[in-house]
PDB file of N, CA and C in Angstrom:
ATOM      1  N   MET A   1      17.811   4.932  -7.736  1.00  0.00           N
ATOM      2  CA  MET A   1      16.643   5.772  -7.895  1.00  0.00           C
ATOM      3  C   MET A   1      15.466   4.937  -8.391  1.00  0.00           C
ATOM      4  N   THR A   2      14.280   5.204  -7.871  1.00  0.00           N
ATOM      5  CA  THR A   2      13.068   4.540  -8.341  1.00  0.00           C
ATOM      6  C   THR A   2      12.351   5.471  -9.303  1.00  0.00           C
ATOM      7  N   LEU A   3      12.017   4.953 -10.459  1.00  0.00           N
ATOM      8  CA  LEU A   3      11.382   5.743 -11.506  1.00  0.00           C
ATOM      9  C   LEU A   3       9.975   5.220 -11.754  1.00  0.00           C
ATOM     10  N   ASN A   4       8.987   6.100 -11.693  1.00  0.00           N
ATOM     11  CA  ASN A   4       7.616   5.721 -12.030  1.00  0.00           C
ATOM     12  C   ASN A   4       7.429   5.869 -13.536  1.00  0.00           C
ATOM     13  N   VAL A   5       6.993   4.798 -14.169  1.00  0.00           N
ATOM     14  CA  VAL A   5       6.854   4.766 -15.622  1.00  0.00           C
ATOM     15  C   VAL A   5       5.432   4.374 -15.981  1.00  0.00           C
ATOM     16  N   GLU A   6       4.822   5.156 -16.848  1.00  0.00           N
ATOM     17  CA  GLU A   6       3.517   4.799 -17.403  1.00  0.00           C
ATOM     18  C   GLU A   6       3.674   4.630 -18.901  1.00  0.00           C
ATOM     19  N   ILE A   7       3.216   3.496 -19.389  1.00  0.00           N
ATOM     20  CA  ILE A   7       3.203   3.216 -20.820  1.00  0.00           C
ATOM     21  C   ILE A   7       1.751   3.029 -21.198  1.00  0.00           C
ATOM     22  N   TYR A   8       1.304   3.802 -22.174  1.00  0.00           N
ATOM     23  CA  TYR A   8      -0.109   3.730 -22.518  1.00  0.00           C
ATOM     24  C   TYR A   8      -0.313   3.858 -24.020  1.00  0.00           C
ATOM     25  N   GLU A   9      -1.332   3.168 -24.479  1.00  0.00           N
ATOM     26  CA  GLU A   9      -1.702   3.178 -25.888  1.00  0.00           C
ATOM     27  C   GLU A   9      -2.524   4.422 -26.168  1.00  0.00           C
ATOM     28  N   MET A  10      -2.218   5.071 -27.259  1.00  0.00           N
ATOM     29  CA  MET A  10      -2.940   6.287 -27.641  1.00  0.00           C
ATOM     30  C   MET A  10      -3.632   6.056 -28.979  1.00  0.00           C
ATOM     31  N   ASP A  11      -4.716   6.741 -29.173  1.00  0.00           N
ATOM     32  CA  ASP A  11      -5.490   6.651 -30.411  1.00  0.00           C
ATOM     33  C   ASP A  11      -5.510   8.022 -31.059  1.00  0.00           C
ATOM     34  N   TYR A  12      -4.877   8.134 -32.204  1.00  0.00           N
ATOM     35  CA  TYR A  12      -4.869   9.395 -32.935  1.00  0.00           C
ATOM     36  C   TYR A  12      -5.758   9.243 -34.150  1.00  0.00           C
ATOM     37  N   SER A  13      -6.781  10.038 -34.238  1.00  0.00           N
ATOM     38  CA  SER A  13      -7.731   9.910 -35.340  1.00  0.00           C
ATOM     39  C   SER A  13      -7.450  10.914 -36.454  1.00  0.00           C
ATOM     40  N   CYS A  14      -6.218  11.373 -36.545  1.00  0.00           N
ATOM     41  CA  CYS A  14      -5.881  12.362 -37.564  1.00  0.00           C
ATOM     42  C   CYS A  14      -5.748  11.726 -38.944  1.00  0.00           C
ATOM     43  N   SER A  15      -5.681  10.413 -39.012  1.00  0.00           N
ATOM     44  CA  SER A  15      -5.626   9.756 -40.312  1.00  0.00           C
ATOM     45  C   SER A  15      -6.798   8.779 -40.408  1.00  0.00           C
ATOM     46  N   PRO A  16      -7.188   8.398 -41.598  1.00  0.00           N
ATOM     47  CA  PRO A  16      -8.324   7.462 -41.725  1.00  0.00           C
ATOM     48  C   PRO A  16      -8.103   6.191 -40.912  1.00  0.00           C
ATOM     49  N   GLY A  17      -9.091   5.860 -40.115  1.00  0.00           N
ATOM     50  CA  GLY A  17      -9.001   4.646 -39.301  1.00  0.00           C
ATOM     51  C   GLY A  17      -8.249   4.843 -38.004  1.00  0.00           C
ATOM     52  N   GLY A  18      -7.659   6.000 -37.802  1.00  0.00           N
ATOM     53  CA  GLY A  18      -6.901   6.236 -36.575  1.00  0.00           C
ATOM     54  C   GLY A  18      -5.555   5.545 -36.605  1.00  0.00           C
ATOM     55  N   VAL A  19      -4.656   6.028 -35.816  1.00  0.00           N
ATOM     56  CA  VAL A  19      -3.320   5.447 -35.703  1.00  0.00           C
ATOM     57  C   VAL A  19      -3.085   5.150 -34.235  1.00  0.00           C
ATOM     58  N   ASN A  20      -2.900   3.917 -33.919  1.00  0.00           N
ATOM     59  CA  ASN A  20      -2.609   3.557 -32.535  1.00  0.00           C
ATOM     60  C   ASN A  20      -1.102   3.518 -32.348  1.00  0.00           C
ATOM     61  N   CYS A  21      -0.641   4.131 -31.281  1.00  0.00           N
ATOM     62  CA  CYS A  21       0.767   4.057 -30.927  1.00  0.00           C
ATOM     63  C   CYS A  21       0.862   4.089 -29.402  1.00  0.00           C
ATOM     64  N   TRP A  22       2.038   3.865 -28.917  1.00  0.00           N
ATOM     65  CA  TRP A  22       2.263   3.807 -27.473  1.00  0.00           C
ATOM     66  C   TRP A  22       3.131   4.971 -27.047  1.00  0.00           C
ATOM     67  N   GLU A  23       2.863   5.488 -25.856  1.00  0.00           N
ATOM     68  CA  GLU A  23       3.623   6.590 -25.280  1.00  0.00           C
ATOM     69  C   GLU A  23       4.209   6.178 -23.941  1.00  0.00           C
ATOM     70  N   VAL A  24       5.312   6.822 -23.585  1.00  0.00           N
ATOM     71  CA  VAL A  24       5.968   6.606 -22.298  1.00  0.00           C
ATOM     72  C   VAL A  24       5.972   7.923 -21.543  1.00  0.00           C
ATOM     73  N   SER A  25       5.587   7.859 -20.301  1.00  0.00           N
ATOM     74  CA  SER A  25       5.650   9.026 -19.427  1.00  0.00           C
ATOM     75  C   SER A  25       6.350   8.601 -18.143  1.00  0.00           C
ATOM     76  N   THR A  26       7.319   9.402 -17.713  1.00  0.00           N
ATOM     77  CA  THR A  26       8.031   9.099 -16.473  1.00  0.00           C
ATOM     78  C   THR A  26       7.998  10.323 -15.574  1.00  0.00           C
ATOM     79  N   ASN A  27       8.391  10.120 -14.326  1.00  0.00           N
ATOM     80  CA  ASN A  27       8.376  11.246 -13.405  1.00  0.00           C
ATOM     81  C   ASN A  27       9.576  12.170 -13.591  1.00  0.00           C
ATOM     82  N   ASP A  28      10.441  11.919 -14.565  1.00  0.00           N
ATOM     83  CA  ASP A  28      11.552  12.842 -14.799  1.00  0.00           C
ATOM     84  C   ASP A  28      11.588  13.398 -16.223  1.00  0.00           C
ATOM     85  N   GLU A  29      10.639  12.998 -17.075  1.00  0.00           N
ATOM     86  CA  GLU A  29      10.548  13.590 -18.405  1.00  0.00           C
ATOM     87  C   GLU A  29       9.078  13.707 -18.772  1.00  0.00           C
ATOM     88  N   LEU A  30       8.757  14.600 -19.657  1.00  0.00           N
ATOM     89  CA  LEU A  30       7.354  14.834 -19.973  1.00  0.00           C
ATOM     90  C   LEU A  30       6.718  13.632 -20.650  1.00  0.00           C
ATOM     91  N   CYS A  31       7.129  13.344 -21.863  1.00  0.00           N
ATOM     92  CA  CYS A  31       6.476  12.267 -22.605  1.00  0.00           C
ATOM     93  C   CYS A  31       7.305  11.940 -23.839  1.00  0.00           C
ATOM     94  N   THR A  32       7.365  10.668 -24.178  1.00  0.00           N
ATOM     95  CA  THR A  32       8.010  10.221 -25.408  1.00  0.00           C
ATOM     96  C   THR A  32       6.995   9.369 -26.134  1.00  0.00           C
ATOM     97  N   THR A  33       6.807   9.610 -27.419  1.00  0.00           N
ATOM     98  CA  THR A  33       5.738   8.956 -28.155  1.00  0.00           C
ATOM     99  C   THR A  33       6.244   8.336 -29.449  1.00  0.00           C
ATOM    100  N   GLY A  34       5.355   7.564 -30.075  1.00  0.00           N
ATOM    101  CA  GLY A  34       5.646   7.028 -31.398  1.00  0.00           C
ATOM    102  C   GLY A  34       6.086   5.582 -31.410  1.00  0.00           C
ATOM    103  N   PHE A  35       5.897   4.869 -30.333  1.00  0.00           N
ATOM    104  CA  PHE A  35       6.290   3.462 -30.294  1.00  0.00           C
ATOM    105  C   PHE A  35       5.195   2.609 -30.915  1.00  0.00           C
ATOM    106  N   ALA A  36       5.573   1.662 -31.766  1.00  0.00           N
ATOM    107  CA  ALA A  36       4.603   0.815 -32.459  1.00  0.00           C
ATOM    108  C   ALA A  36       3.964  -0.204 -31.521  1.00  0.00           C
ATOM    109  N   THR A  37       4.700  -0.641 -30.521  1.00  0.00           N
ATOM    110  CA  THR A  37       4.188  -1.645 -29.587  1.00  0.00           C
ATOM    111  C   THR A  37       4.553  -1.263 -28.158  1.00  0.00           C
ATOM    112  N   ALA A  38       3.864  -1.881 -27.207  1.00  0.00           N
ATOM    113  CA  ALA A  38       4.215  -1.676 -25.800  1.00  0.00           C
ATOM    114  C   ALA A  38       5.624  -2.203 -25.535  1.00  0.00           C
ATOM    115  N   GLY A  39       5.982  -3.281 -26.200  1.00  0.00           N
ATOM    116  CA  GLY A  39       7.326  -3.841 -26.046  1.00  0.00           C
ATOM    117  C   GLY A  39       8.411  -2.866 -26.462  1.00  0.00           C
ATOM    118  N   ASP A  40       8.181  -2.138 -27.561  1.00  0.00           N
ATOM    119  CA  ASP A  40       9.143  -1.119 -27.999  1.00  0.00           C
ATOM    120  C   ASP A  40       9.274  -0.025 -26.945  1.00  0.00           C
ATOM    121  N   ALA A  41       8.155   0.366 -26.363  1.00  0.00           N
ATOM    122  CA  ALA A  41       8.169   1.407 -25.332  1.00  0.00           C
ATOM    123  C   ALA A  41       8.919   0.931 -24.089  1.00  0.00           C
ATOM    124  N   ILE A  42       8.683  -0.305 -23.686  1.00  0.00           N
ATOM    125  CA  ILE A  42       9.389  -0.861 -22.526  1.00  0.00           C
ATOM    126  C   ILE A  42      10.880  -0.939 -22.804  1.00  0.00           C
ATOM    127  N   GLN A  43      11.250  -1.369 -24.000  1.00  0.00           N
ATOM    128  CA  GLN A  43      12.669  -1.465 -24.348  1.00  0.00           C
ATOM    129  C   GLN A  43      13.339  -0.100 -24.303  1.00  0.00           C
ATOM    130  N   TYR A  44      12.635   0.932 -24.758  1.00  0.00           N
ATOM    131  CA  TYR A  44      13.149   2.299 -24.689  1.00  0.00           C
ATOM    132  C   TYR A  44      13.472   2.681 -23.244  1.00  0.00           C
ATOM    133  N   VAL A  45      12.536   2.388 -22.343  1.00  0.00           N
ATOM    134  CA  VAL A  45      12.727   2.727 -20.934  1.00  0.00           C
ATOM    135  C   VAL A  45      13.897   1.937 -20.348  1.00  0.00           C
ATOM    136  N   LEU A  46      13.984   0.660 -20.665  1.00  0.00           N
ATOM    137  CA  LEU A  46      15.083  -0.164 -20.152  1.00  0.00           C
ATOM    138  C   LEU A  46      16.437   0.334 -20.660  1.00  0.00           C
ATOM    139  N   ASP A  47      16.482   0.760 -21.924  1.00  0.00           N
ATOM    140  CA  ASP A  47      17.732   1.277 -22.489  1.00  0.00           C
ATOM    141  C   ASP A  47      18.103   2.636 -21.894  1.00  0.00           C
ATOM    142  N   LYS A  48      17.120   3.465 -21.658  1.00  0.00           N
ATOM    143  CA  LYS A  48      17.368   4.819 -21.156  1.00  0.00           C
ATOM    144  C   LYS A  48      17.732   4.827 -19.668  1.00  0.00           C
ATOM    145  N   TYR A  49      17.160   3.896 -18.895  1.00  0.00           N
ATOM    146  CA  TYR A  49      17.374   3.854 -17.444  1.00  0.00           C
ATOM    147  C   TYR A  49      17.859   2.461 -17.015  1.00  0.00           C
ATOM    148  N   PRO A  50      19.030   2.049 -17.456  1.00  0.00           N
ATOM    149  CA  PRO A  50      19.471   0.678 -17.182  1.00  0.00           C
ATOM    150  C   PRO A  50      19.791   0.385 -15.713  1.00  0.00           C
ATOM    151  N   TYR A  51      20.020   1.415 -14.909  1.00  0.00           N
ATOM    152  CA  TYR A  51      20.432   1.187 -13.529  1.00  0.00           C
ATOM    153  C   TYR A  51      19.383   1.606 -12.503  1.00  0.00           C
ATOM    154  N   ASP A  52      18.203   1.981 -12.971  1.00  0.00           N
ATOM    155  CA  ASP A  52      17.155   2.433 -12.067  1.00  0.00           C
ATOM    156  C   ASP A  52      16.122   1.342 -11.817  1.00  0.00           C
ATOM    157  N   GLU A  53      15.530   1.398 -10.637  1.00  0.00           N
ATOM    158  CA  GLU A  53      14.377   0.544 -10.350  1.00  0.00           C
ATOM    159  C   GLU A  53      13.171   1.190 -11.026  1.00  0.00           C
ATOM    160  N   LEU A  54      12.384   0.384 -11.754  1.00  0.00           N
ATOM    161  CA  LEU A  54      11.246   0.899 -12.504  1.00  0.00           C
ATOM    162  C   LEU A  54       9.940   0.387 -11.916  1.00  0.00           C
ATOM    163  N   ASN A  55       9.050   1.308 -11.585  1.00  0.00           N
ATOM    164  CA  ASN A  55       7.671   0.962 -11.235  1.00  0.00           C
ATOM    165  C   ASN A  55       6.872   1.155 -12.513  1.00  0.00           C
ATOM    166  N   LEU A  56       6.492   0.063 -13.132  1.00  0.00           N
ATOM    167  CA  LEU A  56       5.911   0.088 -14.467  1.00  0.00           C
ATOM    168  C   LEU A  56       4.403  -0.116 -14.424  1.00  0.00           C
ATOM    169  N   ASN A  57       3.689   0.731 -15.173  1.00  0.00           N
ATOM    170  CA  ASN A  57       2.243   0.630 -15.300  1.00  0.00           C
ATOM    171  C   ASN A  57       1.912   0.731 -16.789  1.00  0.00           C
ATOM    172  N   VAL A  58       1.271  -0.294 -17.341  1.00  0.00           N
ATOM    173  CA  VAL A  58       0.929  -0.328 -18.763  1.00  0.00           C
ATOM    174  C   VAL A  58      -0.589  -0.287 -18.900  1.00  0.00           C
ATOM    175  N   LYS A  59      -1.075   0.640 -19.742  1.00  0.00           N
ATOM    176  CA  LYS A  59      -2.515   0.795 -19.929  1.00  0.00           C
ATOM    177  C   LYS A  59      -2.848   0.760 -21.418  1.00  0.00           C
ATOM    178  N   SER A  60      -3.824  -0.072 -21.759  1.00  0.00           N
ATOM    179  CA  SER A  60      -4.252  -0.177 -23.156  1.00  0.00           C
ATOM    180  C   SER A  60      -5.313   0.860 -23.469  1.00  0.00           C
ATOM    181  N   LEU A  61      -5.563   1.063 -24.732  1.00  0.00           N
ATOM    182  CA  LEU A  61      -6.607   1.982 -25.159  1.00  0.00           C
ATOM    183  C   LEU A  61      -7.975   1.485 -24.688  1.00  0.00           C
ATOM    184  N   ASN A  62      -8.191   0.177 -24.712  1.00  0.00           N
ATOM    185  CA  ASN A  62      -9.448  -0.387 -24.209  1.00  0.00           C
ATOM    186  C   ASN A  62      -9.638  -0.057 -22.731  1.00  0.00           C
ATOM    187  N   TRP A  63      -8.566  -0.102 -21.943  1.00  0.00           N
ATOM    188  CA  TRP A  63      -8.650   0.271 -20.529  1.00  0.00           C
ATOM    189  C   TRP A  63      -9.092   1.726 -20.402  1.00  0.00           C
ATOM    190  N   TYR A  64      -8.498   2.602 -21.199  1.00  0.00           N
ATOM    191  CA  TYR A  64      -8.842   4.022 -21.139  1.00  0.00           C
ATOM    192  C   TYR A  64     -10.320   4.237 -21.433  1.00  0.00           C
ATOM    193  N   PHE A  65     -10.814   3.619 -22.507  1.00  0.00           N
ATOM    194  CA  PHE A  65     -12.219   3.804 -22.867  1.00  0.00           C
ATOM    195  C   PHE A  65     -13.147   3.259 -21.784  1.00  0.00           C
ATOM    196  N   LYS A  66     -12.769   2.143 -21.160  1.00  0.00           N
ATOM    197  CA  LYS A  66     -13.579   1.585 -20.080  1.00  0.00           C
ATOM    198  C   LYS A  66     -13.586   2.531 -18.879  1.00  0.00           C
ATOM    199  N   GLU A  67     -12.432   3.057 -18.505  1.00  0.00           N
ATOM    200  CA  GLU A  67     -12.356   3.999 -17.390  1.00  0.00           C
ATOM    201  C   GLU A  67     -13.175   5.255 -17.683  1.00  0.00           C
ATOM    202  N   TYR A  68     -13.087   5.742 -18.896  1.00  0.00           N
ATOM    203  CA  TYR A  68     -13.835   6.930 -19.296  1.00  0.00           C
ATOM    204  C   TYR A  68     -15.335   6.661 -19.210  1.00  0.00           C
ATOM    205  N   ALA A  69     -15.757   5.497 -19.721  1.00  0.00           N
ATOM    206  CA  ALA A  69     -17.183   5.150 -19.684  1.00  0.00           C
ATOM    207  C   ALA A  69     -17.676   4.996 -18.250  1.00  0.00           C
ATOM    208  N   ASP A  70     -16.871   4.348 -17.412  1.00  0.00           N
ATOM    209  CA  ASP A  70     -17.245   4.172 -16.007  1.00  0.00           C
ATOM    210  C   ASP A  70     -17.340   5.514 -15.284  1.00  0.00           C
ATOM    211  N   GLU A  71     -16.441   6.422 -15.582  1.00  0.00           N
ATOM    212  CA  GLU A  71     -16.426   7.721 -14.909  1.00  0.00           C
ATOM    213  C   GLU A  71     -17.617   8.588 -15.299  1.00  0.00           C
ATOM    214  N   TYR A  72     -18.028   8.478 -16.570  1.00  0.00           N
ATOM    215  CA  TYR A  72     -19.105   9.341 -17.053  1.00  0.00           C
ATOM    216  C   TYR A  72     -20.442   8.600 -17.264  1.00  0.00           C
ATOM    217  N   ALA A  73     -20.548   7.408 -16.688  1.00  0.00           N
ATOM    218  CA  ALA A  73     -21.788   6.643 -16.797  1.00  0.00           C
ATOM    219  C   ALA A  73     -22.921   7.372 -16.080  1.00  0.00           C
ATOM    220  N   VAL A  74     -24.064   7.319 -16.675  1.00  0.00           N
ATOM    221  CA  VAL A  74     -25.232   7.997 -16.079  1.00  0.00           C
ATOM    222  C   VAL A  74     -26.083   6.994 -15.352  1.00  0.00           C
TER     223      VAL A  74
END
């Protein structure tokens, strides 16, 4: 089975200074969050799906802000 995996950095501003963490989203589960690093998130996916082919896409918070700015640029 081929599994599409997105790993992305999230910015939560609920605490002073914000809390950055990484989330995993796949085409067979909604979302898993709370990883301190992208490496931790990747390891989670590798452990959970050891026999599947993974199409992996990793996006940083800086990428998100750039995409957002480009989309809403005037």
